[in-house]
């Protein structure tokens, strides 16, 4: 189930969370179970999860449960962090560097049970935050387009697991709508 929460932009906590991706991450984790997929778009928070634990009234103006559906072809939206890992001797796990988003999405599609029919990059921006006094910087890319499902089981697994890195920080939630129908966002 995907929940659509319209955030109260007058609430100081909402204002702070929108400026600090880690703050928003912590708020989402307090409202829903760990491991949820979520994304923020225009003061609207979309969360793929089971039933929420607790939603503060002053934080959210409204909440609606959306039903996901798709045919063989579907419209889609995705907020992602297209990166690759560069191994350094200095770092245990390497570091993530941005890559060209369209080839990255094509590669992810082939391992996720679908192919891209058409896609456009709607938005690119830098998202910032602070965690334990350290700066966090993410390169965000918003995709919108149409896809064709090649492997339904793998595609459904992708919908539940997300695409790409940094899912806990609002990246990777693939949202679909039926081809020719009303989309689920």
N, C-alpha and C. Protein backbone atom coordinates (compact mmCIF):
# COMPACT_ATOMS: atom_id res chain seq x y z
N UNK A 1 0.85 -1.18 0.00
CA UNK A 1 0.00 0.00 0.00
C UNK A 1 0.90 1.24 0.00
N UNK A 2 0.49 2.24 -0.76
CA UNK A 2 1.20 3.51 -0.74
C UNK A 2 0.29 4.54 -0.08
N UNK A 3 0.86 5.29 0.84
CA UNK A 3 0.14 6.35 1.52
C UNK A 3 0.61 7.69 0.99
N UNK A 4 -0.34 8.56 0.73
CA UNK A 4 -0.06 9.93 0.28
C UNK A 4 -0.39 10.86 1.44
N UNK A 5 0.66 11.51 1.96
CA UNK A 5 0.49 12.41 3.10
C UNK A 5 0.80 13.84 2.65
N UNK A 6 -0.16 14.72 2.76
CA UNK A 6 0.06 16.13 2.46
C UNK A 6 0.59 16.77 3.74
N UNK A 7 1.82 17.29 3.66
CA UNK A 7 2.48 17.84 4.84
C UNK A 7 2.01 19.25 5.13
N UNK A 8 1.99 19.61 6.41
CA UNK A 8 1.62 20.95 6.85
C UNK A 8 2.85 21.85 6.74
N UNK A 9 2.94 22.61 5.67
CA UNK A 9 4.14 23.44 5.43
C UNK A 9 4.30 24.57 6.43
N UNK A 10 3.30 24.83 7.26
CA UNK A 10 3.40 25.87 8.30
C UNK A 10 4.02 25.32 9.59
N UNK A 11 4.07 24.01 9.71
CA UNK A 11 4.63 23.38 10.91
C UNK A 11 6.15 23.53 10.89
N UNK A 12 6.77 24.05 11.97
CA UNK A 12 8.22 24.24 12.00
C UNK A 12 9.01 22.93 11.81
N UNK A 13 8.50 21.82 12.33
CA UNK A 13 9.18 20.54 12.16
C UNK A 13 9.20 20.13 10.68
N UNK A 14 8.09 20.35 9.99
CA UNK A 14 8.02 20.04 8.55
C UNK A 14 9.03 20.91 7.80
N UNK A 15 9.06 22.19 8.11
CA UNK A 15 10.01 23.10 7.45
C UNK A 15 11.45 22.62 7.65
N UNK A 16 11.77 22.23 8.88
CA UNK A 16 13.11 21.75 9.19
C UNK A 16 13.42 20.44 8.46
N UNK A 17 12.45 19.52 8.46
CA UNK A 17 12.66 18.22 7.81
C UNK A 17 12.87 18.38 6.30
N UNK A 18 12.17 19.31 5.68
CA UNK A 18 12.33 19.51 4.23
C UNK A 18 13.74 20.04 3.93
N UNK A 19 14.32 20.80 4.85
CA UNK A 19 15.68 21.31 4.65
C UNK A 19 16.75 20.28 4.99
N UNK A 20 16.42 19.31 5.85
CA UNK A 20 17.40 18.35 6.34
C UNK A 20 16.90 16.93 6.06
N UNK A 21 17.45 16.28 5.05
CA UNK A 21 16.98 14.96 4.62
C UNK A 21 17.08 13.93 5.74
N UNK A 22 18.06 14.07 6.62
CA UNK A 22 18.17 13.11 7.73
C UNK A 22 17.02 13.31 8.73
N UNK A 23 16.63 14.55 8.96
CA UNK A 23 15.49 14.82 9.84
C UNK A 23 14.22 14.21 9.29
N UNK A 24 14.01 14.32 7.98
CA UNK A 24 12.83 13.72 7.35
C UNK A 24 12.90 12.19 7.44
N UNK A 25 14.09 11.65 7.23
CA UNK A 25 14.30 10.21 7.38
C UNK A 25 13.89 9.75 8.79
N UNK A 26 14.31 10.47 9.81
CA UNK A 26 13.98 10.10 11.19
C UNK A 26 12.48 10.22 11.45
N UNK A 27 11.84 11.25 10.89
CA UNK A 27 10.40 11.42 11.08
C UNK A 27 9.63 10.28 10.40
N UNK A 28 10.01 9.93 9.18
CA UNK A 28 9.34 8.83 8.47
C UNK A 28 9.52 7.53 9.26
N UNK A 29 10.72 7.29 9.77
CA UNK A 29 10.97 6.07 10.56
C UNK A 29 10.14 6.04 11.83
N UNK A 30 9.84 7.20 12.41
CA UNK A 30 9.02 7.23 13.63
C UNK A 30 7.54 7.00 13.32
N UNK A 31 7.10 7.35 12.10
CA UNK A 31 5.70 7.19 11.74
C UNK A 31 5.40 5.80 11.18
N UNK A 32 6.39 5.19 10.52
CA UNK A 32 6.19 3.90 9.86
C UNK A 32 7.26 2.92 10.33
N UNK A 33 7.09 1.66 9.97
CA UNK A 33 8.10 0.66 10.30
C UNK A 33 9.39 0.95 9.55
N UNK A 34 10.51 0.45 10.08
CA UNK A 34 11.80 0.61 9.41
C UNK A 34 11.77 -0.09 8.06
N UNK A 35 12.59 0.38 7.15
CA UNK A 35 12.70 -0.26 5.86
C UNK A 35 11.63 0.15 4.86
N UNK A 36 10.89 1.21 5.15
CA UNK A 36 9.87 1.67 4.20
C UNK A 36 10.53 2.42 3.05
N UNK A 37 9.86 2.42 1.93
CA UNK A 37 10.27 3.25 0.79
C UNK A 37 9.43 4.52 0.84
N UNK A 38 10.04 5.66 0.55
CA UNK A 38 9.30 6.90 0.56
C UNK A 38 9.93 7.91 -0.39
N UNK A 39 9.18 8.93 -0.72
CA UNK A 39 9.70 10.04 -1.52
C UNK A 39 8.90 11.28 -1.20
N UNK A 40 9.55 12.42 -1.34
CA UNK A 40 8.92 13.71 -1.10
C UNK A 40 8.81 14.43 -2.43
N UNK A 41 7.62 14.92 -2.74
CA UNK A 41 7.41 15.69 -3.97
C UNK A 41 6.42 16.80 -3.67
N UNK A 42 6.89 18.04 -3.78
CA UNK A 42 6.01 19.21 -3.61
C UNK A 42 5.18 19.16 -2.33
N UNK A 43 5.83 19.02 -1.18
CA UNK A 43 5.16 18.98 0.13
C UNK A 43 4.22 17.80 0.30
N UNK A 44 4.35 16.80 -0.56
CA UNK A 44 3.56 15.57 -0.42
C UNK A 44 4.54 14.42 -0.20
N UNK A 45 4.29 13.67 0.84
CA UNK A 45 5.13 12.53 1.18
C UNK A 45 4.41 11.26 0.76
N UNK A 46 5.06 10.45 -0.08
CA UNK A 46 4.52 9.16 -0.50
C UNK A 46 5.31 8.08 0.23
N UNK A 47 4.60 7.17 0.88
CA UNK A 47 5.26 6.14 1.68
C UNK A 47 4.67 4.78 1.32
N UNK A 48 5.55 3.83 0.95
CA UNK A 48 5.12 2.45 0.69
C UNK A 48 5.39 1.67 1.97
N UNK A 49 4.31 1.24 2.61
CA UNK A 49 4.45 0.59 3.91
C UNK A 49 3.16 -0.14 4.26
N UNK A 50 3.24 -0.87 5.36
CA UNK A 50 2.02 -1.38 5.95
C UNK A 50 1.40 -0.21 6.74
N UNK A 51 0.45 -0.48 7.56
CA UNK A 51 -0.27 0.57 8.29
C UNK A 51 0.70 1.43 9.12
N UNK A 52 0.53 2.76 9.06
CA UNK A 52 1.41 3.63 9.85
C UNK A 52 1.22 3.41 11.36
N UNK A 53 2.32 3.64 12.10
CA UNK A 53 2.27 3.49 13.56
C UNK A 53 1.63 4.71 14.21
N UNK A 54 2.11 5.89 13.84
CA UNK A 54 1.63 7.12 14.47
C UNK A 54 1.88 8.29 13.52
N UNK A 55 0.85 9.06 13.24
CA UNK A 55 0.98 10.23 12.37
C UNK A 55 0.59 11.45 13.20
N UNK A 56 1.54 12.35 13.51
CA UNK A 56 1.20 13.55 14.27
C UNK A 56 0.23 14.44 13.48
N UNK A 57 -0.86 14.84 14.10
CA UNK A 57 -1.88 15.66 13.42
C UNK A 57 -1.32 16.98 12.91
N UNK A 58 -0.46 17.60 13.65
CA UNK A 58 0.05 18.92 13.24
C UNK A 58 1.06 18.80 12.10
N UNK A 59 1.59 17.62 11.86
CA UNK A 59 2.60 17.40 10.82
C UNK A 59 1.96 17.17 9.46
N UNK A 60 0.81 16.51 9.45
CA UNK A 60 0.16 16.10 8.21
C UNK A 60 -1.23 16.73 8.12
N UNK A 61 -1.54 17.33 6.97
CA UNK A 61 -2.86 17.91 6.75
C UNK A 61 -3.87 16.84 6.35
N UNK A 62 -3.44 15.88 5.52
CA UNK A 62 -4.34 14.80 5.11
C UNK A 62 -3.52 13.57 4.73
N UNK A 63 -4.18 12.40 4.79
CA UNK A 63 -3.53 11.15 4.41
C UNK A 63 -4.54 10.30 3.65
N UNK A 64 -4.09 9.75 2.51
CA UNK A 64 -4.95 8.90 1.69
C UNK A 64 -4.15 7.65 1.33
N UNK A 65 -4.81 6.50 1.36
CA UNK A 65 -4.18 5.26 0.91
C UNK A 65 -4.44 5.10 -0.58
N UNK A 66 -3.38 4.85 -1.35
CA UNK A 66 -3.49 4.68 -2.80
C UNK A 66 -3.29 3.22 -3.16
N UNK A 67 -4.02 2.77 -4.14
CA UNK A 67 -3.87 1.39 -4.61
C UNK A 67 -2.98 1.40 -5.84
N UNK A 68 -1.94 0.58 -5.83
CA UNK A 68 -1.06 0.45 -6.99
C UNK A 68 -1.68 -0.54 -7.97
N UNK A 69 -1.54 -0.23 -9.24
CA UNK A 69 -1.99 -1.16 -10.25
C UNK A 69 -1.15 -0.93 -11.50
N UNK A 70 -1.13 -1.92 -12.34
CA UNK A 70 -0.39 -1.80 -13.59
C UNK A 70 -0.88 -2.85 -14.57
N UNK A 71 -0.70 -2.55 -15.84
CA UNK A 71 -0.96 -3.50 -16.91
C UNK A 71 0.39 -3.93 -17.44
N UNK A 72 0.44 -4.41 -18.67
CA UNK A 72 1.73 -4.75 -19.27
C UNK A 72 2.57 -3.50 -19.44
N UNK A 73 1.89 -2.38 -19.75
CA UNK A 73 2.58 -1.09 -19.83
C UNK A 73 2.02 -0.19 -18.73
N UNK A 74 2.88 0.64 -18.19
CA UNK A 74 2.45 1.51 -17.09
C UNK A 74 3.21 2.82 -17.13
N UNK A 75 2.52 3.89 -16.73
CA UNK A 75 3.20 5.16 -16.47
C UNK A 75 3.97 4.99 -15.17
N UNK A 76 5.07 5.72 -15.03
CA UNK A 76 5.83 5.60 -13.78
C UNK A 76 6.47 6.93 -13.40
N UNK A 77 6.75 7.04 -12.12
CA UNK A 77 7.58 8.12 -11.56
C UNK A 77 8.58 7.45 -10.63
N UNK A 78 9.78 8.01 -10.60
CA UNK A 78 10.84 7.47 -9.75
C UNK A 78 11.75 8.62 -9.33
N UNK A 79 12.00 8.71 -8.04
CA UNK A 79 13.03 9.60 -7.51
C UNK A 79 14.20 8.70 -7.14
N UNK A 80 15.37 8.97 -7.73
CA UNK A 80 16.49 8.07 -7.53
C UNK A 80 17.79 8.84 -7.32
N UNK A 81 18.81 8.09 -6.97
CA UNK A 81 20.16 8.62 -6.78
C UNK A 81 21.09 7.81 -7.69
N UNK A 82 21.17 8.17 -8.99
CA UNK A 82 22.01 7.41 -9.93
C UNK A 82 23.50 7.61 -9.61
N UNK A 83 24.12 6.55 -9.10
CA UNK A 83 25.52 6.62 -8.70
C UNK A 83 26.22 5.31 -9.02
N UNK A 84 27.54 5.36 -8.90
CA UNK A 84 28.33 4.13 -8.90
C UNK A 84 29.34 4.26 -7.76
N UNK A 85 29.86 3.13 -7.31
CA UNK A 85 30.80 3.13 -6.19
C UNK A 85 32.22 3.13 -6.75
N UNK A 86 33.03 4.06 -6.26
CA UNK A 86 34.45 4.13 -6.57
C UNK A 86 35.20 3.65 -5.33
N UNK A 87 36.02 2.63 -5.50
CA UNK A 87 36.79 2.09 -4.37
C UNK A 87 38.03 2.95 -4.14
N UNK A 88 38.20 3.36 -2.90
CA UNK A 88 39.37 4.11 -2.47
C UNK A 88 40.12 3.29 -1.44
N UNK A 89 41.41 3.48 -1.37
CA UNK A 89 42.18 2.83 -0.31
C UNK A 89 41.83 3.40 1.05
N UNK A 90 41.39 4.67 1.06
CA UNK A 90 41.10 5.36 2.32
C UNK A 90 39.77 4.93 2.94
N UNK A 91 38.83 4.48 2.12
CA UNK A 91 37.50 4.18 2.63
C UNK A 91 37.23 2.68 2.57
N UNK A 92 36.57 2.21 3.59
CA UNK A 92 36.25 0.79 3.68
C UNK A 92 35.27 0.35 2.59
N UNK A 93 34.25 1.17 2.34
CA UNK A 93 33.20 0.79 1.39
C UNK A 93 33.24 1.60 0.09
N UNK A 94 34.22 2.44 -0.10
CA UNK A 94 34.27 3.27 -1.29
C UNK A 94 33.38 4.49 -1.14
N UNK A 95 33.23 5.24 -2.22
CA UNK A 95 32.36 6.42 -2.19
C UNK A 95 31.49 6.41 -3.44
N UNK A 96 30.32 6.98 -3.31
CA UNK A 96 29.37 7.04 -4.41
C UNK A 96 29.60 8.31 -5.21
N UNK A 97 29.63 8.17 -6.52
CA UNK A 97 29.77 9.33 -7.41
C UNK A 97 28.61 9.31 -8.40
N UNK A 98 28.10 10.49 -8.77
CA UNK A 98 26.97 10.55 -9.71
C UNK A 98 27.37 10.02 -11.09
N UNK A 99 26.39 9.44 -11.78
CA UNK A 99 26.58 8.96 -13.15
C UNK A 99 25.45 9.52 -14.02
N UNK A 100 25.60 9.36 -15.32
CA UNK A 100 24.57 9.80 -16.27
C UNK A 100 23.27 9.05 -15.93
N UNK A 101 22.17 9.76 -15.63
CA UNK A 101 20.98 9.10 -15.11
C UNK A 101 20.24 8.19 -16.10
N UNK A 102 20.19 8.52 -17.37
CA UNK A 102 19.41 7.70 -18.30
C UNK A 102 20.02 6.32 -18.55
N UNK A 103 21.32 6.21 -18.84
CA UNK A 103 21.90 4.86 -18.94
C UNK A 103 21.80 4.07 -17.63
N UNK A 104 21.93 4.77 -16.50
CA UNK A 104 21.80 4.13 -15.19
C UNK A 104 20.41 3.51 -15.05
N UNK A 105 19.36 4.27 -15.42
CA UNK A 105 18.00 3.76 -15.31
C UNK A 105 17.77 2.58 -16.27
N UNK A 106 18.32 2.67 -17.47
CA UNK A 106 18.19 1.55 -18.43
C UNK A 106 18.81 0.27 -17.85
N UNK A 107 19.98 0.39 -17.22
CA UNK A 107 20.64 -0.78 -16.62
C UNK A 107 19.79 -1.34 -15.48
N UNK A 108 19.26 -0.46 -14.65
CA UNK A 108 18.44 -0.91 -13.52
C UNK A 108 17.17 -1.60 -14.02
N UNK A 109 16.59 -1.10 -15.09
CA UNK A 109 15.36 -1.68 -15.64
C UNK A 109 15.59 -3.12 -16.09
N UNK A 110 16.73 -3.37 -16.73
CA UNK A 110 16.99 -4.72 -17.26
C UNK A 110 17.12 -5.76 -16.14
N UNK A 111 17.53 -5.33 -14.95
CA UNK A 111 17.66 -6.27 -13.83
C UNK A 111 16.45 -6.22 -12.90
N UNK A 112 15.42 -5.45 -13.30
CA UNK A 112 14.26 -5.25 -12.42
C UNK A 112 12.94 -5.71 -13.04
N UNK A 113 13.02 -6.39 -14.18
CA UNK A 113 11.81 -6.95 -14.75
C UNK A 113 11.02 -6.05 -15.68
N UNK A 114 11.62 -4.95 -16.13
CA UNK A 114 10.91 -4.06 -17.05
C UNK A 114 11.88 -3.40 -18.02
N UNK A 115 11.30 -2.77 -19.05
CA UNK A 115 12.09 -1.97 -19.98
C UNK A 115 11.44 -0.59 -20.08
N UNK A 116 12.26 0.39 -20.42
CA UNK A 116 11.78 1.76 -20.55
C UNK A 116 11.26 1.96 -21.97
N UNK A 117 10.02 2.43 -22.07
CA UNK A 117 9.46 2.79 -23.37
C UNK A 117 9.80 4.25 -23.67
N UNK A 118 9.55 5.11 -22.69
CA UNK A 118 9.90 6.52 -22.80
C UNK A 118 10.19 7.05 -21.41
N UNK A 119 11.08 8.02 -21.35
CA UNK A 119 11.43 8.59 -20.05
C UNK A 119 11.97 10.00 -20.24
N UNK A 120 11.71 10.83 -19.26
CA UNK A 120 12.32 12.15 -19.22
C UNK A 120 12.78 12.44 -17.80
N UNK A 121 13.85 13.21 -17.71
CA UNK A 121 14.33 13.65 -16.41
C UNK A 121 13.58 14.93 -16.09
N UNK A 122 12.74 14.88 -15.06
CA UNK A 122 11.93 16.04 -14.69
C UNK A 122 12.69 17.04 -13.85
N UNK A 123 13.59 16.56 -13.02
CA UNK A 123 14.23 17.44 -12.05
C UNK A 123 15.55 16.82 -11.61
N UNK A 124 16.53 17.66 -11.43
CA UNK A 124 17.80 17.27 -10.82
C UNK A 124 18.09 18.30 -9.74
N UNK A 125 18.46 17.81 -8.58
CA UNK A 125 18.80 18.75 -7.51
C UNK A 125 19.71 18.08 -6.50
N UNK A 126 20.34 18.91 -5.68
CA UNK A 126 21.17 18.43 -4.58
C UNK A 126 20.33 18.50 -3.31
N UNK A 127 20.30 17.39 -2.59
CA UNK A 127 19.56 17.30 -1.33
C UNK A 127 20.60 17.24 -0.21
N UNK A 128 20.38 18.03 0.84
CA UNK A 128 21.36 18.12 1.91
C UNK A 128 20.75 17.72 3.26
N UNK A 129 21.64 17.37 4.16
CA UNK A 129 21.21 17.05 5.51
C UNK A 129 22.41 16.98 6.43
N UNK A 130 22.12 16.75 7.70
CA UNK A 130 23.16 16.62 8.72
C UNK A 130 22.85 15.40 9.57
N UNK A 131 23.87 14.60 9.83
CA UNK A 131 23.73 13.43 10.68
C UNK A 131 24.91 13.41 11.63
N UNK A 132 24.62 13.54 12.91
CA UNK A 132 25.66 13.55 13.95
C UNK A 132 26.75 14.58 13.64
N UNK A 133 26.33 15.75 13.16
CA UNK A 133 27.27 16.83 12.89
C UNK A 133 28.00 16.74 11.55
N UNK A 134 27.75 15.68 10.79
CA UNK A 134 28.40 15.52 9.49
C UNK A 134 27.44 15.90 8.38
N UNK A 135 27.97 16.57 7.36
CA UNK A 135 27.16 16.95 6.20
C UNK A 135 26.83 15.73 5.36
N UNK A 136 25.59 15.70 4.86
CA UNK A 136 25.16 14.67 3.93
C UNK A 136 24.74 15.38 2.64
N UNK A 137 25.20 14.89 1.52
CA UNK A 137 24.85 15.48 0.22
C UNK A 137 24.47 14.36 -0.73
N UNK A 138 23.27 14.47 -1.30
CA UNK A 138 22.78 13.49 -2.26
C UNK A 138 22.40 14.20 -3.56
N UNK A 139 22.72 13.59 -4.69
CA UNK A 139 22.26 14.09 -5.98
C UNK A 139 20.96 13.36 -6.31
N UNK A 140 19.90 14.12 -6.47
CA UNK A 140 18.56 13.57 -6.69
C UNK A 140 18.15 13.78 -8.14
N UNK A 141 17.55 12.73 -8.73
CA UNK A 141 17.02 12.82 -10.08
C UNK A 141 15.59 12.28 -10.06
N UNK A 142 14.66 13.05 -10.63
CA UNK A 142 13.27 12.62 -10.76
C UNK A 142 13.01 12.20 -12.20
N UNK A 143 12.56 10.97 -12.38
CA UNK A 143 12.23 10.42 -13.70
C UNK A 143 10.71 10.32 -13.83
N UNK A 144 10.23 10.48 -15.05
CA UNK A 144 8.82 10.26 -15.34
C UNK A 144 8.75 9.66 -16.73
N UNK A 145 7.91 8.61 -16.90
CA UNK A 145 7.83 8.01 -18.21
C UNK A 145 6.86 6.85 -18.28
N UNK A 146 7.13 5.97 -19.23
CA UNK A 146 6.30 4.79 -19.46
C UNK A 146 7.22 3.58 -19.52
N UNK A 147 6.78 2.49 -18.92
CA UNK A 147 7.58 1.27 -18.92
C UNK A 147 6.73 0.08 -19.40
N UNK A 148 7.43 -0.97 -19.80
CA UNK A 148 6.80 -2.23 -20.20
C UNK A 148 7.31 -3.33 -19.28
N UNK A 149 6.39 -4.05 -18.68
CA UNK A 149 6.76 -5.12 -17.75
C UNK A 149 7.12 -6.37 -18.54
N UNK A 150 8.31 -6.90 -18.28
CA UNK A 150 8.79 -8.10 -18.96
C UNK A 150 8.69 -9.34 -18.07
N UNK A 151 8.87 -9.16 -16.77
CA UNK A 151 8.83 -10.27 -15.81
C UNK A 151 8.02 -9.79 -14.61
N UNK A 152 6.76 -10.22 -14.51
CA UNK A 152 5.85 -9.70 -13.48
C UNK A 152 6.36 -9.97 -12.06
N UNK A 153 6.89 -11.15 -11.81
CA UNK A 153 7.37 -11.48 -10.46
C UNK A 153 8.56 -10.60 -10.07
N UNK A 154 9.50 -10.45 -10.97
CA UNK A 154 10.66 -9.61 -10.71
C UNK A 154 10.26 -8.14 -10.57
N UNK A 155 9.31 -7.70 -11.39
CA UNK A 155 8.82 -6.32 -11.32
C UNK A 155 8.15 -6.06 -9.97
N UNK A 156 7.33 -6.99 -9.51
CA UNK A 156 6.67 -6.82 -8.22
C UNK A 156 7.69 -6.78 -7.08
N UNK A 157 8.73 -7.60 -7.20
CA UNK A 157 9.82 -7.59 -6.22
C UNK A 157 10.50 -6.21 -6.23
N UNK A 158 10.70 -5.64 -7.41
CA UNK A 158 11.30 -4.31 -7.53
C UNK A 158 10.42 -3.24 -6.90
N UNK A 159 9.11 -3.33 -7.10
CA UNK A 159 8.20 -2.37 -6.48
C UNK A 159 8.32 -2.40 -4.96
N UNK A 160 8.50 -3.58 -4.40
CA UNK A 160 8.59 -3.71 -2.94
C UNK A 160 9.97 -3.37 -2.39
N UNK A 161 11.03 -3.60 -3.18
CA UNK A 161 12.40 -3.37 -2.70
C UNK A 161 12.95 -2.01 -3.09
N UNK A 162 12.44 -1.41 -4.15
CA UNK A 162 12.96 -0.12 -4.61
C UNK A 162 14.12 -0.30 -5.57
N UNK A 163 14.58 0.84 -6.11
CA UNK A 163 15.65 0.85 -7.11
C UNK A 163 16.77 1.78 -6.66
N UNK A 164 18.00 1.27 -6.68
CA UNK A 164 19.16 2.11 -6.41
C UNK A 164 19.46 2.28 -4.93
N UNK A 165 20.47 3.12 -4.63
CA UNK A 165 20.91 3.33 -3.25
C UNK A 165 20.09 4.38 -2.49
N UNK A 166 20.33 4.46 -1.20
CA UNK A 166 19.81 5.51 -0.31
C UNK A 166 18.29 5.49 -0.18
N UNK A 167 17.71 4.31 -0.13
CA UNK A 167 16.25 4.19 -0.04
C UNK A 167 15.71 4.78 1.25
N UNK A 168 16.47 4.69 2.32
CA UNK A 168 16.04 5.26 3.59
C UNK A 168 15.97 6.77 3.58
N UNK A 169 16.53 7.39 2.57
CA UNK A 169 16.54 8.85 2.47
C UNK A 169 15.64 9.36 1.34
N UNK A 170 14.65 8.56 0.96
CA UNK A 170 13.65 9.03 0.01
C UNK A 170 13.95 8.74 -1.44
N UNK A 171 14.86 7.82 -1.71
CA UNK A 171 15.19 7.46 -3.08
C UNK A 171 14.75 6.03 -3.36
N UNK A 172 14.38 5.75 -4.62
CA UNK A 172 14.14 4.37 -5.03
C UNK A 172 12.70 3.91 -5.10
N UNK A 173 11.73 4.72 -4.64
CA UNK A 173 10.33 4.31 -4.69
C UNK A 173 9.81 4.47 -6.12
N UNK A 174 9.55 3.34 -6.78
CA UNK A 174 8.98 3.32 -8.13
C UNK A 174 7.48 3.31 -7.99
N UNK A 175 6.82 4.36 -8.53
CA UNK A 175 5.38 4.46 -8.45
C UNK A 175 4.81 4.29 -9.86
N UNK A 176 3.77 3.46 -9.95
CA UNK A 176 3.20 3.13 -11.26
C UNK A 176 1.72 3.46 -11.33
N UNK A 177 1.26 3.62 -12.56
CA UNK A 177 -0.16 3.79 -12.84
C UNK A 177 -0.47 3.02 -14.10
N UNK A 178 -1.69 2.59 -14.27
CA UNK A 178 -2.07 1.83 -15.45
C UNK A 178 -1.96 2.64 -16.72
N UNK A 179 -1.55 2.02 -17.79
CA UNK A 179 -1.43 2.71 -19.08
C UNK A 179 -2.79 3.21 -19.51
N UNK A 180 -2.88 4.49 -19.80
CA UNK A 180 -4.12 5.08 -20.25
C UNK A 180 -5.10 5.36 -19.13
N UNK A 181 -4.77 4.98 -17.91
CA UNK A 181 -5.68 5.19 -16.78
C UNK A 181 -5.17 6.28 -15.87
N UNK A 182 -5.83 6.43 -14.75
CA UNK A 182 -5.42 7.42 -13.76
C UNK A 182 -4.25 6.84 -12.97
N UNK A 183 -3.16 7.56 -12.88
CA UNK A 183 -1.98 7.07 -12.18
C UNK A 183 -2.22 7.07 -10.68
N UNK A 184 -1.39 6.31 -9.96
CA UNK A 184 -1.59 6.14 -8.52
C UNK A 184 -0.81 7.14 -7.67
N UNK A 185 -0.49 8.28 -8.25
CA UNK A 185 0.17 9.29 -7.42
C UNK A 185 -0.54 10.61 -7.48
